[in-house]
Every structure is written in structure tokens, then in C-alpha cells.
Amino acid sequence: MRICSVELSEHTVVIAKITYADGTGSKVRPAFVIKLDGNLVKTYRITSQYEQKSDYIKSKYFEIIDYIEAGLRKRSWIDTVQAYNINVNETKIRVIGYLSGRDEARLRDFLEQVL
């Protein structure tokens, strides 16, 4: 499959097919790139679903304040519960944006507390 690698880098917001945690399928969705490692792109899923989650899950979600700057259409959160690997040879990845400087700094602080 094709990858838009010109802009792909750590800390970009992308659209890609992400496999469900239980392995029963996948969904094309936004994701935040944590690390590039050869053919693997390590990501956290991005979701707009927050209100109905348990308090534990909410504590692992990072709100993207400047979501429009990140290329997202609606209020969104980075789901840090689990990281997902995407193989660049099997999945098309499209960069849609970047976190703002403010969100980058907040995310660093958030990850130090939750991980």
C-alpha cells in the first residue's frame, strides 16, 4: 500500500486503518504518531467519544484543545490506554496535521503522569 511519507514524522496526526484491540476488525480513524521504527508506525488512537467512558478510561484520555490546528473536525482526545502498530507496507497513512505547541507541552506533562 502507499504511504504519504514526505510529511510523516513523530508527533503528527494521521488518518489510518487501526485494528481493534480485540483483533476482531479495524476502522479508518485519526491517530497520533508516537514513534517511527522501520516499517512500523507506533500510534495512539484519537477519539471524539469521551462523555460515556468510565472515569478510569477518561483519566487516560488527553484532550486536544487545538483540534482544528491538528487537522481534526471535532473535539478530540488521544487515547493513551494502548499503543497500536501500523505496518507502512500494509496500510495507507495520510498526515492531516500536527499538535499545537501548547498541546505538545501539555501532552508531555500528561504522559509523565499517566505512564
PDB file of N, CA and C in Angstrom:
ATOM      1  N   MET A   1       0.840  -1.191   0.000  1.00  0.00           N
ATOM      2  CA  MET A   1       0.000   0.000   0.000  1.00  0.00           C
ATOM      3  C   MET A   1       0.885   1.255   0.000  1.00  0.00           C
ATOM      4  N   ARG A   2       0.273   2.375  -0.312  1.00  0.00           N
ATOM      5  CA  ARG A   2       1.004   3.635  -0.421  1.00  0.00           C
ATOM      6  C   ARG A   2       1.033   4.365   0.907  1.00  0.00           C
ATOM      7  N   ILE A   3       2.147   5.009   1.193  1.00  0.00           N
ATOM      8  CA  ILE A   3       2.270   5.838   2.400  1.00  0.00           C
ATOM      9  C   ILE A   3       2.687   7.240   1.999  1.00  0.00           C
ATOM     10  N   CYS A   4       2.098   8.197   2.618  1.00  0.00           N
ATOM     11  CA  CYS A   4       2.478   9.595   2.386  1.00  0.00           C
ATOM     12  C   CYS A   4       3.631   9.922   3.328  1.00  0.00           C
ATOM     13  N   SER A   5       4.834   9.465   2.984  1.00  0.00           N
ATOM     14  CA  SER A   5       5.960   9.544   3.911  1.00  0.00           C
ATOM     15  C   SER A   5       6.668  10.890   3.907  1.00  0.00           C
ATOM     16  N   VAL A   6       6.326  11.760   2.979  1.00  0.00           N
ATOM     17  CA  VAL A   6       7.008  13.050   2.883  1.00  0.00           C
ATOM     18  C   VAL A   6       6.866  13.827   4.183  1.00  0.00           C
ATOM     19  N   GLU A   7       5.677  13.827   4.766  1.00  0.00           N
ATOM     20  CA  GLU A   7       5.429  14.595   5.966  1.00  0.00           C
ATOM     21  C   GLU A   7       5.338  13.727   7.221  1.00  0.00           C
ATOM     22  N   LEU A   8       5.318  12.423   7.066  1.00  0.00           N
ATOM     23  CA  LEU A   8       5.138  11.544   8.218  1.00  0.00           C
ATOM     24  C   LEU A   8       6.333  11.641   9.153  1.00  0.00           C
ATOM     25  N   SER A   9       6.060  11.967  10.394  1.00  0.00           N
ATOM     26  CA  SER A   9       7.110  12.040  11.405  1.00  0.00           C
ATOM     27  C   SER A   9       6.472  11.811  12.767  1.00  0.00           C
ATOM     28  N   GLU A  10       7.306  11.667  13.768  1.00  0.00           N
ATOM     29  CA  GLU A  10       6.789  11.517  15.125  1.00  0.00           C
ATOM     30  C   GLU A  10       5.997  12.765  15.494  1.00  0.00           C
ATOM     31  N   HIS A  11       4.928  12.554  16.207  1.00  0.00           N
ATOM     32  CA  HIS A  11       4.046  13.608  16.721  1.00  0.00           C
ATOM     33  C   HIS A  11       3.165  14.238  15.654  1.00  0.00           C
ATOM     34  N   THR A  12       2.944  13.541  14.528  1.00  0.00           N
ATOM     35  CA  THR A  12       1.974  14.015  13.553  1.00  0.00           C
ATOM     36  C   THR A  12       0.629  13.354  13.823  1.00  0.00           C
ATOM     37  N   VAL A  13      -0.423  13.990  13.343  1.00  0.00           N
ATOM     38  CA  VAL A  13      -1.764  13.418  13.397  1.00  0.00           C
ATOM     39  C   VAL A  13      -2.038  12.848  12.009  1.00  0.00           C
ATOM     40  N   VAL A  14      -2.458  11.584  11.966  1.00  0.00           N
ATOM     41  CA  VAL A  14      -2.654  10.881  10.702  1.00  0.00           C
ATOM     42  C   VAL A  14      -4.041  10.247  10.650  1.00  0.00           C
ATOM     43  N   ILE A  15      -4.430   9.848   9.456  1.00  0.00           N
ATOM     44  CA  ILE A  15      -5.604   9.001   9.251  1.00  0.00           C
ATOM     45  C   ILE A  15      -5.058   7.670   8.749  1.00  0.00           C
ATOM     46  N   ALA A  16      -5.470   6.574   9.395  1.00  0.00           N
ATOM     47  CA  ALA A  16      -5.004   5.246   9.005  1.00  0.00           C
ATOM     48  C   ALA A  16      -5.982   4.193   9.504  1.00  0.00           C
ATOM     49  N   LYS A  17      -5.884   3.004   8.940  1.00  0.00           N
ATOM     50  CA  LYS A  17      -6.700   1.894   9.412  1.00  0.00           C
ATOM     51  C   LYS A  17      -6.049   1.334  10.680  1.00  0.00           C
ATOM     52  N   ILE A  18      -6.797   1.389  11.796  1.00  0.00           N
ATOM     53  CA  ILE A  18      -6.300   0.923  13.090  1.00  0.00           C
ATOM     54  C   ILE A  18      -7.076  -0.332  13.473  1.00  0.00           C
ATOM     55  N   THR A  19      -6.373  -1.397  13.827  1.00  0.00           N
ATOM     56  CA  THR A  19      -7.003  -2.646  14.245  1.00  0.00           C
ATOM     57  C   THR A  19      -7.608  -2.490  15.629  1.00  0.00           C
ATOM     58  N   TYR A  20      -8.782  -3.100  15.841  1.00  0.00           N
ATOM     59  CA  TYR A  20      -9.400  -3.093  17.169  1.00  0.00           C
ATOM     60  C   TYR A  20      -8.519  -3.853  18.147  1.00  0.00           C
ATOM     61  N   ALA A  21      -8.564  -3.459  19.417  1.00  0.00           N
ATOM     62  CA  ALA A  21      -7.733  -4.080  20.454  1.00  0.00           C
ATOM     63  C   ALA A  21      -7.970  -5.584  20.545  1.00  0.00           C
ATOM     64  N   ASP A  22      -9.218  -6.030  20.319  1.00  0.00           N
ATOM     65  CA  ASP A  22      -9.523  -7.461  20.427  1.00  0.00           C
ATOM     66  C   ASP A  22      -9.251  -8.221  19.131  1.00  0.00           C
ATOM     67  N   GLY A  23      -8.766  -7.526  18.106  1.00  0.00           N
ATOM     68  CA  GLY A  23      -8.394  -8.174  16.858  1.00  0.00           C
ATOM     69  C   GLY A  23      -9.558  -8.563  15.963  1.00  0.00           C
ATOM     70  N   THR A  24     -10.775  -8.121  16.270  1.00  0.00           N
ATOM     71  CA  THR A  24     -11.957  -8.532  15.505  1.00  0.00           C
ATOM     72  C   THR A  24     -12.189  -7.716  14.240  1.00  0.00           C
ATOM     73  N   GLY A  25     -11.400  -6.724  14.007  1.00  0.00           N
ATOM     74  CA  GLY A  25     -11.585  -5.895  12.822  1.00  0.00           C
ATOM     75  C   GLY A  25     -10.732  -4.653  12.900  1.00  0.00           C
ATOM     76  N   SER A  26     -11.102  -3.671  12.107  1.00  0.00           N
ATOM     77  CA  SER A  26     -10.339  -2.424  12.093  1.00  0.00           C
ATOM     78  C   SER A  26     -11.252  -1.284  11.661  1.00  0.00           C
ATOM     79  N   LYS A  27     -10.745  -0.072  11.808  1.00  0.00           N
ATOM     80  CA  LYS A  27     -11.507   1.124  11.458  1.00  0.00           C
ATOM     81  C   LYS A  27     -10.531   2.189  10.977  1.00  0.00           C
ATOM     82  N   VAL A  28     -10.904   2.910   9.933  1.00  0.00           N
ATOM     83  CA  VAL A  28     -10.105   4.047   9.491  1.00  0.00           C
ATOM     84  C   VAL A  28     -10.429   5.194  10.434  1.00  0.00           C
ATOM     85  N   ARG A  29      -9.384   5.730  11.070  1.00  0.00           N
ATOM     86  CA  ARG A  29      -9.596   6.741  12.111  1.00  0.00           C
ATOM     87  C   ARG A  29      -8.350   7.602  12.272  1.00  0.00           C
ATOM     88  N   PRO A  30      -8.482   8.717  12.965  1.00  0.00           N
ATOM     89  CA  PRO A  30      -7.294   9.516  13.266  1.00  0.00           C
ATOM     90  C   PRO A  30      -6.438   8.846  14.336  1.00  0.00           C
ATOM     91  N   ALA A  31      -5.154   9.108  14.260  1.00  0.00           N
ATOM     92  CA  ALA A  31      -4.214   8.570  15.242  1.00  0.00           C
ATOM     93  C   ALA A  31      -3.066   9.561  15.420  1.00  0.00           C
ATOM     94  N   PHE A  32      -2.396   9.446  16.551  1.00  0.00           N
ATOM     95  CA  PHE A  32      -1.251  10.300  16.870  1.00  0.00           C
ATOM     96  C   PHE A  32       0.007   9.443  16.807  1.00  0.00           C
ATOM     97  N   VAL A  33       0.979   9.848  16.010  1.00  0.00           N
ATOM     98  CA  VAL A  33       2.209   9.065  15.829  1.00  0.00           C
ATOM     99  C   VAL A  33       3.137   9.284  17.021  1.00  0.00           C
ATOM    100  N   ILE A  34       3.462   8.177  17.699  1.00  0.00           N
ATOM    101  CA  ILE A  34       4.371   8.209  18.843  1.00  0.00           C
ATOM    102  C   ILE A  34       5.810   8.007  18.390  1.00  0.00           C
ATOM    103  N   LYS A  35       5.995   7.004  17.506  1.00  0.00           N
ATOM    104  CA  LYS A  35       7.358   6.623  17.134  1.00  0.00           C
ATOM    105  C   LYS A  35       7.356   5.976  15.754  1.00  0.00           C
ATOM    106  N   LEU A  36       8.414   6.235  14.993  1.00  0.00           N
ATOM    107  CA  LEU A  36       8.649   5.560  13.723  1.00  0.00           C
ATOM    108  C   LEU A  36       9.782   4.574  13.934  1.00  0.00           C
ATOM    109  N   ASP A  37       9.562   3.318  13.519  1.00  0.00           N
ATOM    110  CA  ASP A  37      10.562   2.270  13.723  1.00  0.00           C
ATOM    111  C   ASP A  37      10.567   1.360  12.498  1.00  0.00           C
ATOM    112  N   GLY A  38      11.377   1.723  11.519  1.00  0.00           N
ATOM    113  CA  GLY A  38      11.416   0.942  10.288  1.00  0.00           C
ATOM    114  C   GLY A  38      10.075   0.983   9.582  1.00  0.00           C
ATOM    115  N   ASN A  39       9.493  -0.198   9.340  1.00  0.00           N
ATOM    116  CA  ASN A  39       8.195  -0.281   8.670  1.00  0.00           C
ATOM    117  C   ASN A  39       7.019  -0.089   9.618  1.00  0.00           C
ATOM    118  N   LEU A  40       7.289   0.024  10.911  1.00  0.00           N
ATOM    119  CA  LEU A  40       6.210   0.170  11.888  1.00  0.00           C
ATOM    120  C   LEU A  40       6.065   1.615  12.351  1.00  0.00           C
ATOM    121  N   VAL A  41       4.813   2.035  12.434  1.00  0.00           N
ATOM    122  CA  VAL A  41       4.472   3.349  12.970  1.00  0.00           C
ATOM    123  C   VAL A  41       3.674   3.085  14.241  1.00  0.00           C
ATOM    124  N   LYS A  42       4.226   3.476  15.385  1.00  0.00           N
ATOM    125  CA  LYS A  42       3.543   3.274  16.667  1.00  0.00           C
ATOM    126  C   LYS A  42       2.641   4.475  16.922  1.00  0.00           C
ATOM    127  N   THR A  43       1.359   4.212  17.220  1.00  0.00           N
ATOM    128  CA  THR A  43       0.381   5.287  17.360  1.00  0.00           C
ATOM    129  C   THR A  43      -0.504   5.108  18.590  1.00  0.00           C
ATOM    130  N   TYR A  44      -1.132   6.200  18.975  1.00  0.00           N
ATOM    131  CA  TYR A  44      -2.273   6.188  19.885  1.00  0.00           C
ATOM    132  C   TYR A  44      -3.493   6.568  19.048  1.00  0.00           C
ATOM    133  N   ARG A  45      -4.615   5.913  19.295  1.00  0.00           N
ATOM    134  CA  ARG A  45      -5.857   6.276  18.613  1.00  0.00           C
ATOM    135  C   ARG A  45      -6.322   7.650  19.081  1.00  0.00           C
ATOM    136  N   ILE A  46      -7.029   8.337  18.216  1.00  0.00           N
ATOM    137  CA  ILE A  46      -7.688   9.596  18.569  1.00  0.00           C
ATOM    138  C   ILE A  46      -9.185   9.355  18.464  1.00  0.00           C
ATOM    139  N   THR A  47      -9.924   9.818  19.466  1.00  0.00           N
ATOM    140  CA  THR A  47     -11.366   9.594  19.512  1.00  0.00           C
ATOM    141  C   THR A  47     -12.115  10.884  19.831  1.00  0.00           C
ATOM    142  N   SER A  48     -13.353  10.937  19.388  1.00  0.00           N
ATOM    143  CA  SER A  48     -14.231  12.043  19.781  1.00  0.00           C
ATOM    144  C   SER A  48     -15.221  11.575  20.849  1.00  0.00           C
ATOM    145  N   GLN A  49     -15.156  10.291  21.191  1.00  0.00           N
ATOM    146  CA  GLN A  49     -16.052   9.710  22.195  1.00  0.00           C
ATOM    147  C   GLN A  49     -15.399   9.812  23.572  1.00  0.00           C
ATOM    148  N   TYR A  50     -16.003  10.573  24.459  1.00  0.00           N
ATOM    149  CA  TYR A  50     -15.414  10.787  25.781  1.00  0.00           C
ATOM    150  C   TYR A  50     -16.448  10.699  26.899  1.00  0.00           C
ATOM    151  N   GLU A  51     -17.564  11.371  26.732  1.00  0.00           N
ATOM    152  CA  GLU A  51     -18.528  11.559  27.819  1.00  0.00           C
ATOM    153  C   GLU A  51     -19.031  10.260  28.430  1.00  0.00           C
ATOM    154  N   GLN A  52     -19.226   9.222  27.641  1.00  0.00           N
ATOM    155  CA  GLN A  52     -19.807   7.974  28.149  1.00  0.00           C
ATOM    156  C   GLN A  52     -18.755   6.992  28.682  1.00  0.00           C
ATOM    157  N   LYS A  53     -17.512   7.375  28.698  1.00  0.00           N
ATOM    158  CA  LYS A  53     -16.444   6.481  29.163  1.00  0.00           C
ATOM    159  C   LYS A  53     -16.384   6.460  30.688  1.00  0.00           C
ATOM    160  N   SER A  54     -15.792   5.392  31.231  1.00  0.00           N
ATOM    161  CA  SER A  54     -15.623   5.284  32.686  1.00  0.00           C
ATOM    162  C   SER A  54     -14.600   6.308  33.160  1.00  0.00           C
ATOM    163  N   ASP A  55     -14.610   6.592  34.445  1.00  0.00           N
ATOM    164  CA  ASP A  55     -13.646   7.548  35.000  1.00  0.00           C
ATOM    165  C   ASP A  55     -12.214   7.076  34.771  1.00  0.00           C
ATOM    166  N   TYR A  56     -11.978   5.754  34.860  1.00  0.00           N
ATOM    167  CA  TYR A  56     -10.636   5.225  34.632  1.00  0.00           C
ATOM    168  C   TYR A  56     -10.185   5.530  33.198  1.00  0.00           C
ATOM    169  N   ILE A  57     -11.042   5.216  32.227  1.00  0.00           N
ATOM    170  CA  ILE A  57     -10.690   5.465  30.827  1.00  0.00           C
ATOM    171  C   ILE A  57     -10.496   6.959  30.582  1.00  0.00           C
ATOM    172  N   LYS A  58     -11.381   7.784  31.133  1.00  0.00           N
ATOM    173  CA  LYS A  58     -11.244   9.237  30.970  1.00  0.00           C
ATOM    174  C   LYS A  58      -9.900   9.733  31.493  1.00  0.00           C
ATOM    175  N   SER A  59      -9.398   9.098  32.548  1.00  0.00           N
ATOM    176  CA  SER A  59      -8.111   9.522  33.119  1.00  0.00           C
ATOM    177  C   SER A  59      -6.945   9.227  32.176  1.00  0.00           C
ATOM    178  N   LYS A  60      -7.158   8.365  31.189  1.00  0.00           N
ATOM    179  CA  LYS A  60      -6.121   8.002  30.218  1.00  0.00           C
ATOM    180  C   LYS A  60      -6.286   8.739  28.888  1.00  0.00           C
ATOM    181  N   TYR A  61      -7.309   9.576  28.782  1.00  0.00           N
ATOM    182  CA  TYR A  61      -7.573  10.338  27.564  1.00  0.00           C
ATOM    183  C   TYR A  61      -7.017  11.748  27.709  1.00  0.00           C
ATOM    184  N   PHE A  62      -6.279  12.178  26.697  1.00  0.00           N
ATOM    185  CA  PHE A  62      -5.705  13.522  26.672  1.00  0.00           C
ATOM    186  C   PHE A  62      -6.502  14.385  25.696  1.00  0.00           C
ATOM    187  N   GLU A  63      -7.060  15.486  26.190  1.00  0.00           N
ATOM    188  CA  GLU A  63      -7.852  16.359  25.324  1.00  0.00           C
ATOM    189  C   GLU A  63      -6.952  17.211  24.426  1.00  0.00           C
ATOM    190  N   ILE A  64      -7.247  17.199  23.146  1.00  0.00           N
ATOM    191  CA  ILE A  64      -6.562  18.058  22.186  1.00  0.00           C
ATOM    192  C   ILE A  64      -7.338  19.370  22.140  1.00  0.00           C
ATOM    193  N   ILE A  65      -6.808  20.405  22.755  1.00  0.00           N
ATOM    194  CA  ILE A  65      -7.505  21.692  22.810  1.00  0.00           C
ATOM    195  C   ILE A  65      -7.559  22.340  21.429  1.00  0.00           C
ATOM    196  N   ASP A  66      -6.440  22.353  20.741  1.00  0.00           N
ATOM    197  CA  ASP A  66      -6.362  22.983  19.416  1.00  0.00           C
ATOM    198  C   ASP A  66      -6.601  21.927  18.327  1.00  0.00           C
ATOM    199  N   TYR A  67      -7.774  21.290  18.387  1.00  0.00           N
ATOM    200  CA  TYR A  67      -8.057  20.166  17.494  1.00  0.00           C
ATOM    201  C   TYR A  67      -8.149  20.581  16.021  1.00  0.00           C
ATOM    202  N   ILE A  68      -8.599  21.783  15.741  1.00  0.00           N
ATOM    203  CA  ILE A  68      -8.681  22.219  14.340  1.00  0.00           C
ATOM    204  C   ILE A  68      -7.277  22.353  13.752  1.00  0.00           C
ATOM    205  N   GLU A  69      -6.356  22.905  14.529  1.00  0.00           N
ATOM    206  CA  GLU A  69      -4.958  23.010  14.082  1.00  0.00           C
ATOM    207  C   GLU A  69      -4.349  21.633  13.836  1.00  0.00           C
ATOM    208  N   ALA A  70      -4.833  20.627  14.580  1.00  0.00           N
ATOM    209  CA  ALA A  70      -4.331  19.260  14.423  1.00  0.00           C
ATOM    210  C   ALA A  70      -4.958  18.549  13.225  1.00  0.00           C
ATOM    211  N   GLY A  71      -5.858  19.234  12.515  1.00  0.00           N
ATOM    212  CA  GLY A  71      -6.478  18.643  11.336  1.00  0.00           C
ATOM    213  C   GLY A  71      -7.753  17.873  11.633  1.00  0.00           C
ATOM    214  N   LEU A  72      -8.270  18.021  12.848  1.00  0.00           N
ATOM    215  CA  LEU A  72      -9.471  17.289  13.258  1.00  0.00           C
ATOM    216  C   LEU A  72     -10.701  18.176  13.132  1.00  0.00           C
ATOM    217  N   ARG A  73     -11.858  17.567  12.889  1.00  0.00           N
ATOM    218  CA  ARG A  73     -13.083  18.333  12.670  1.00  0.00           C
ATOM    219  C   ARG A  73     -13.885  18.587  13.931  1.00  0.00           C
ATOM    220  N   LYS A  74     -13.668  17.767  14.948  1.00  0.00           N
ATOM    221  CA  LYS A  74     -14.424  17.967  16.182  1.00  0.00           C
ATOM    222  C   LYS A  74     -13.551  17.711  17.393  1.00  0.00           C
ATOM    223  N   ARG A  75     -14.048  18.130  18.526  1.00  0.00           N
ATOM    224  CA  ARG A  75     -13.341  17.972  19.793  1.00  0.00           C
ATOM    225  C   ARG A  75     -12.861  16.527  19.927  1.00  0.00           C
ATOM    226  N   SER A  76     -11.577  16.344  20.258  1.00  0.00           N
ATOM    227  CA  SER A  76     -10.987  15.008  20.235  1.00  0.00           C
ATOM    228  C   SER A  76     -10.024  14.791  21.388  1.00  0.00           C
ATOM    229  N   TRP A  77      -9.774  13.499  21.671  1.00  0.00           N
ATOM    230  CA  TRP A  77      -8.878  13.080  22.738  1.00  0.00           C
ATOM    231  C   TRP A  77      -7.918  12.030  22.198  1.00  0.00           C
ATOM    232  N   ILE A  78      -6.687  12.042  22.690  1.00  0.00           N
ATOM    233  CA  ILE A  78      -5.723  10.979  22.401  1.00  0.00           C
ATOM    234  C   ILE A  78      -5.924   9.906  23.459  1.00  0.00           C
ATOM    235  N   ASP A  79      -6.196   8.687  22.998  1.00  0.00           N
ATOM    236  CA  ASP A  79      -6.438   7.537  23.868  1.00  0.00           C
ATOM    237  C   ASP A  79      -5.091   6.879  24.166  1.00  0.00           C
ATOM    238  N   THR A  80      -4.580   7.077  25.392  1.00  0.00           N
ATOM    239  CA  THR A  80      -3.259   6.539  25.749  1.00  0.00           C
ATOM    240  C   THR A  80      -3.348   5.187  26.447  1.00  0.00           C
ATOM    241  N   VAL A  81      -4.524   4.553  26.439  1.00  0.00           N
ATOM    242  CA  VAL A  81      -4.690   3.256  27.099  1.00  0.00           C
ATOM    243  C   VAL A  81      -3.776   2.216  26.461  1.00  0.00           C
ATOM    244  N   GLN A  82      -3.690   2.222  25.128  1.00  0.00           N
ATOM    245  CA  GLN A  82      -2.900   1.221  24.417  1.00  0.00           C
ATOM    246  C   GLN A  82      -2.326   1.831  23.148  1.00  0.00           C
ATOM    247  N   ALA A  83      -1.098   1.475  22.827  1.00  0.00           N
ATOM    248  CA  ALA A  83      -0.482   1.904  21.569  1.00  0.00           C
ATOM    249  C   ALA A  83      -0.761   0.849  20.499  1.00  0.00           C
ATOM    250  N   TYR A  84      -0.851   1.303  19.258  1.00  0.00           N
ATOM    251  CA  TYR A  84      -1.135   0.417  18.133  1.00  0.00           C
ATOM    252  C   TYR A  84      -0.060   0.591  17.081  1.00  0.00           C
ATOM    253  N   ASN A  85       0.407  -0.543  16.521  1.00  0.00           N
ATOM    254  CA  ASN A  85       1.407  -0.509  15.460  1.00  0.00           C
ATOM    255  C   ASN A  85       0.725  -0.599  14.105  1.00  0.00           C
ATOM    256  N   ILE A  86       1.183   0.217  13.184  1.00  0.00           N
ATOM    257  CA  ILE A  86       0.699   0.193  11.809  1.00  0.00           C
ATOM    258  C   ILE A  86       1.889  -0.156  10.926  1.00  0.00           C
ATOM    259  N   ASN A  87       1.728  -1.159  10.073  1.00  0.00           N
ATOM    260  CA  ASN A  87       2.774  -1.526   9.130  1.00  0.00           C
ATOM    261  C   ASN A  87       2.611  -0.667   7.879  1.00  0.00           C
ATOM    262  N   VAL A  88       3.620   0.113   7.557  1.00  0.00           N
ATOM    263  CA  VAL A  88       3.524   1.042   6.422  1.00  0.00           C
ATOM    264  C   VAL A  88       3.412   0.317   5.086  1.00  0.00           C
ATOM    265  N   ASN A  89       3.805  -0.951   5.040  1.00  0.00           N
ATOM    266  CA  ASN A  89       3.700  -1.721   3.804  1.00  0.00           C
ATOM    267  C   ASN A  89       2.295  -2.268   3.581  1.00  0.00           C
ATOM    268  N   GLU A  90       1.455  -2.232   4.613  1.00  0.00           N
ATOM    269  CA  GLU A  90       0.118  -2.820   4.522  1.00  0.00           C
ATOM    270  C   GLU A  90      -1.013  -1.800   4.618  1.00  0.00           C
ATOM    271  N   THR A  91      -0.718  -0.588   5.040  1.00  0.00           N
ATOM    272  CA  THR A  91      -1.769   0.393   5.313  1.00  0.00           C
ATOM    273  C   THR A  91      -1.399   1.759   4.753  1.00  0.00           C
ATOM    274  N   LYS A  92      -2.370   2.399   4.129  1.00  0.00           N
ATOM    275  CA  LYS A  92      -2.173   3.777   3.671  1.00  0.00           C
ATOM    276  C   LYS A  92      -2.276   4.698   4.882  1.00  0.00           C
ATOM    277  N   ILE A  93      -1.327   5.604   5.014  1.00  0.00           N
ATOM    278  CA  ILE A  93      -1.295   6.562   6.120  1.00  0.00           C
ATOM    279  C   ILE A  93      -1.269   7.963   5.511  1.00  0.00           C
ATOM    280  N   ARG A  94      -2.173   8.813   5.980  1.00  0.00           N
ATOM    281  CA  ARG A  94      -2.241  10.184   5.460  1.00  0.00           C
ATOM    282  C   ARG A  94      -2.085  11.167   6.610  1.00  0.00           C
ATOM    283  N   VAL A  95      -1.092  12.032   6.520  1.00  0.00           N
ATOM    284  CA  VAL A  95      -0.881  13.069   7.538  1.00  0.00           C
ATOM    285  C   VAL A  95      -1.947  14.139   7.363  1.00  0.00           C
ATOM    286  N   ILE A  96      -2.624  14.504   8.495  1.00  0.00           N
ATOM    287  CA  ILE A  96      -3.648  15.555   8.415  1.00  0.00           C
ATOM    288  C   ILE A  96      -3.294  16.782   9.244  1.00  0.00           C
ATOM    289  N   GLY A  97      -2.310  16.664  10.142  1.00  0.00           N
ATOM    290  CA  GLY A  97      -1.958  17.832  10.941  1.00  0.00           C
ATOM    291  C   GLY A  97      -0.936  17.531  12.015  1.00  0.00           C
ATOM    292  N   TYR A  98      -0.768  18.511  12.876  1.00  0.00           N
ATOM    293  CA  TYR A  98       0.216  18.446  13.954  1.00  0.00           C
ATOM    294  C   TYR A  98      -0.403  19.043  15.208  1.00  0.00           C
ATOM    295  N   LEU A  99       0.032  18.590  16.365  1.00  0.00           N
ATOM    296  CA  LEU A  99      -0.417  19.216  17.605  1.00  0.00           C
ATOM    297  C   LEU A  99       0.180  20.617  17.697  1.00  0.00           C
ATOM    298  N   SER A 100      -0.551  21.524  18.293  1.00  0.00           N
ATOM    299  CA  SER A 100      -0.021  22.870  18.540  1.00  0.00           C
ATOM    300  C   SER A 100       1.089  22.773  19.580  1.00  0.00           C
ATOM    301  N   GLY A 101       1.906  23.796  19.679  1.00  0.00           N
ATOM    302  CA  GLY A 101       2.950  23.829  20.708  1.00  0.00           C
ATOM    303  C   GLY A 101       2.359  23.691  22.096  1.00  0.00           C
ATOM    304  N   ARG A 102       1.220  24.330  22.309  1.00  0.00           N
ATOM    305  CA  ARG A 102       0.547  24.256  23.609  1.00  0.00           C
ATOM    306  C   ARG A 102       0.119  22.818  23.915  1.00  0.00           C
ATOM    307  N   ASP A 103      -0.493  22.135  22.937  1.00  0.00           N
ATOM    308  CA  ASP A 103      -0.921  20.757  23.167  1.00  0.00           C
ATOM    309  C   ASP A 103       0.270  19.816  23.316  1.00  0.00           C
ATOM    310  N   GLU A 104       1.344  20.051  22.563  1.00  0.00           N
ATOM    311  CA  GLU A 104       2.563  19.226  22.703  1.00  0.00           C
ATOM    312  C   GLU A 104       3.094  19.291  24.134  1.00  0.00           C
ATOM    313  N   ALA A 105       3.198  20.497  24.683  1.00  0.00           N
ATOM    314  CA  ALA A 105       3.715  20.674  26.048  1.00  0.00           C
ATOM    315  C   ALA A 105       2.785  20.016  27.059  1.00  0.00           C
ATOM    316  N   ARG A 106       1.486  20.188  26.873  1.00  0.00           N
ATOM    317  CA  ARG A 106       0.518  19.582  27.787  1.00  0.00           C
ATOM    318  C   ARG A 106       0.574  18.059  27.706  1.00  0.00           C
ATOM    319  N   LEU A 107       0.743  17.515  26.489  1.00  0.00           N
ATOM    320  CA  LEU A 107       0.814  16.064  26.311  1.00  0.00           C
ATOM    321  C   LEU A 107       2.036  15.491  27.011  1.00  0.00           C
ATOM    322  N   ARG A 108       3.181  16.156  26.898  1.00  0.00           N
ATOM    323  CA  ARG A 108       4.391  15.688  27.595  1.00  0.00           C
ATOM    324  C   ARG A 108       4.134  15.577  29.091  1.00  0.00           C
ATOM    325  N   ASP A 109       3.549  16.619  29.682  1.00  0.00           N
ATOM    326  CA  ASP A 109       3.234  16.606  31.118  1.00  0.00           C
ATOM    327  C   ASP A 109       2.235  15.507  31.453  1.00  0.00           C
ATOM    328  N   PHE A 110       1.220  15.347  30.620  1.00  0.00           N
ATOM    329  CA  PHE A 110       0.186  14.333  30.830  1.00  0.00           C
ATOM    330  C   PHE A 110       0.794  12.935  30.825  1.00  0.00           C
ATOM    331  N   LEU A 111       1.633  12.637  29.836  1.00  0.00           N
ATOM    332  CA  LEU A 111       2.230  11.306  29.722  1.00  0.00           C
ATOM    333  C   LEU A 111       3.149  10.993  30.893  1.00  0.00           C
ATOM    334  N   GLU A 112       3.839  11.993  31.408  1.00  0.00           N
ATOM    335  CA  GLU A 112       4.685  11.775  32.587  1.00  0.00           C
ATOM    336  C   GLU A 112       3.852  11.352  33.787  1.00  0.00           C
ATOM    337  N   GLN A 113       2.624  11.819  33.868  1.00  0.00           N
ATOM    338  CA  GLN A 113       1.752  11.490  34.995  1.00  0.00           C
ATOM    339  C   GLN A 113       1.049  10.151  34.834  1.00  0.00           C
ATOM    340  N   VAL A 114       0.610   9.801  33.613  1.00  0.00           N
ATOM    341  CA  VAL A 114      -0.199   8.591  33.431  1.00  0.00           C
ATOM    342  C   VAL A 114       0.599   7.351  33.078  1.00  0.00           C
ATOM    343  N   LEU A 115       1.798   7.504  32.568  1.00  0.00           N
ATOM    344  CA  LEU A 115       2.568   6.314  32.156  1.00  0.00           C
ATOM    345  C   LEU A 115       3.574   5.897  33.193  1.00  0.00           C
TER     346      LEU A 115
END
